[in-house]
Amino acid sequence: MTAEQARRRAEATFKKEERAREGAIAWRDHQAALVATEEKTARLRALRLAREAAEKGNQRKAAR
């Protein structure tokens, strides 16, 4: 194997490893965004349900 072939092989290996690292980072970021969205949705759902329950309680008091 010539020095040029060795250099090309080393560069190809480096690029492959770099793509793998970047892919892992992108996947971790994607998963973190999903978790954040799920948490936000749960919080907003809880707030909406509490508001609706309070509104129903106010309607019952007004009907009396």
Protein backbone atom coordinates (compact mmCIF):
# COMPACT_ATOMS: atom_id res chain seq x y z
CA MET A 1 0.00 0.00 0.00
CA THR A 2 1.37 3.38 -0.96
CA ALA A 3 1.39 6.40 1.28
CA GLU A 4 -1.35 7.97 -0.83
CA GLN A 5 -3.60 4.93 -0.43
CA ALA A 6 -2.99 4.89 3.31
CA ARG A 7 -3.84 8.59 3.54
CA ARG A 8 -7.07 8.09 1.57
CA ARG A 9 -8.05 5.14 3.73
CA ALA A 10 -7.34 7.12 6.91
CA GLU A 11 -9.38 10.07 5.62
CA ALA A 12 -12.28 7.79 4.69
CA THR A 13 -12.21 6.20 8.14
CA PHE A 14 -12.07 9.60 9.80
CA LYS A 15 -15.03 10.89 7.78
CA LYS A 16 -17.04 7.76 8.56
CA GLU A 17 -16.37 8.12 12.29
CA GLU A 18 -17.17 11.84 12.13
CA ARG A 19 -20.54 11.15 10.44
CA ALA A 20 -21.30 8.56 13.12
CA ARG A 21 -20.52 11.06 15.90
CA GLU A 22 -22.60 13.78 14.26
CA GLY A 23 -25.45 11.33 13.77
CA ALA A 24 -25.36 10.35 17.43
CA ILE A 25 -25.44 14.01 18.46
CA ALA A 26 -28.34 14.72 16.11
CA TRP A 27 -30.26 11.72 17.46
CA ARG A 28 -29.67 12.82 21.06
CA ASP A 29 -30.87 16.34 20.22
CA HIS A 30 -33.94 14.91 18.49
CA GLN A 31 -34.78 12.73 21.50
CA ALA A 32 -34.34 15.69 23.87
CA ALA A 33 -36.72 17.75 21.74
CA LEU A 34 -39.29 14.95 21.84
CA VAL A 35 -39.08 14.71 25.61
CA ALA A 36 -39.41 18.49 25.95
CA THR A 37 -42.46 18.48 23.69
CA GLU A 38 -44.08 15.66 25.65
CA GLU A 39 -43.45 17.46 28.96
CA LYS A 40 -44.83 20.72 27.61
CA THR A 41 -47.91 18.95 26.23
CA ALA A 42 -48.55 17.27 29.58
CA ARG A 43 -48.20 20.57 31.44
CA LEU A 44 -50.54 22.37 29.05
CA ARG A 45 -53.07 19.53 29.22
CA ALA A 46 -53.05 19.70 33.03
CA LEU A 47 -53.59 23.47 32.91
CA ARG A 48 -56.46 23.09 30.42
CA LEU A 49 -58.16 20.40 32.49
CA ALA A 50 -57.82 22.50 35.65
CA ARG A 51 -59.29 25.52 33.85
CA GLU A 52 -62.18 23.48 32.50
CA ALA A 53 -62.88 22.02 35.94
CA ALA A 54 -62.88 25.49 37.46
CA GLU A 55 -65.26 26.74 34.75
CA LYS A 56 -67.65 23.84 35.41
CA GLY A 57 -67.52 24.63 39.13
CA ASN A 58 -68.35 28.27 38.41
CA GLN A 59 -71.25 27.26 36.15
CA ARG A 60 -72.70 25.03 38.89
CA LYS A 61 -72.48 27.86 41.43
CA ALA A 62 -74.15 30.29 39.02
CA ALA A 63 -76.98 27.83 38.33
CA ARG A 64 -77.90 27.61 42.02
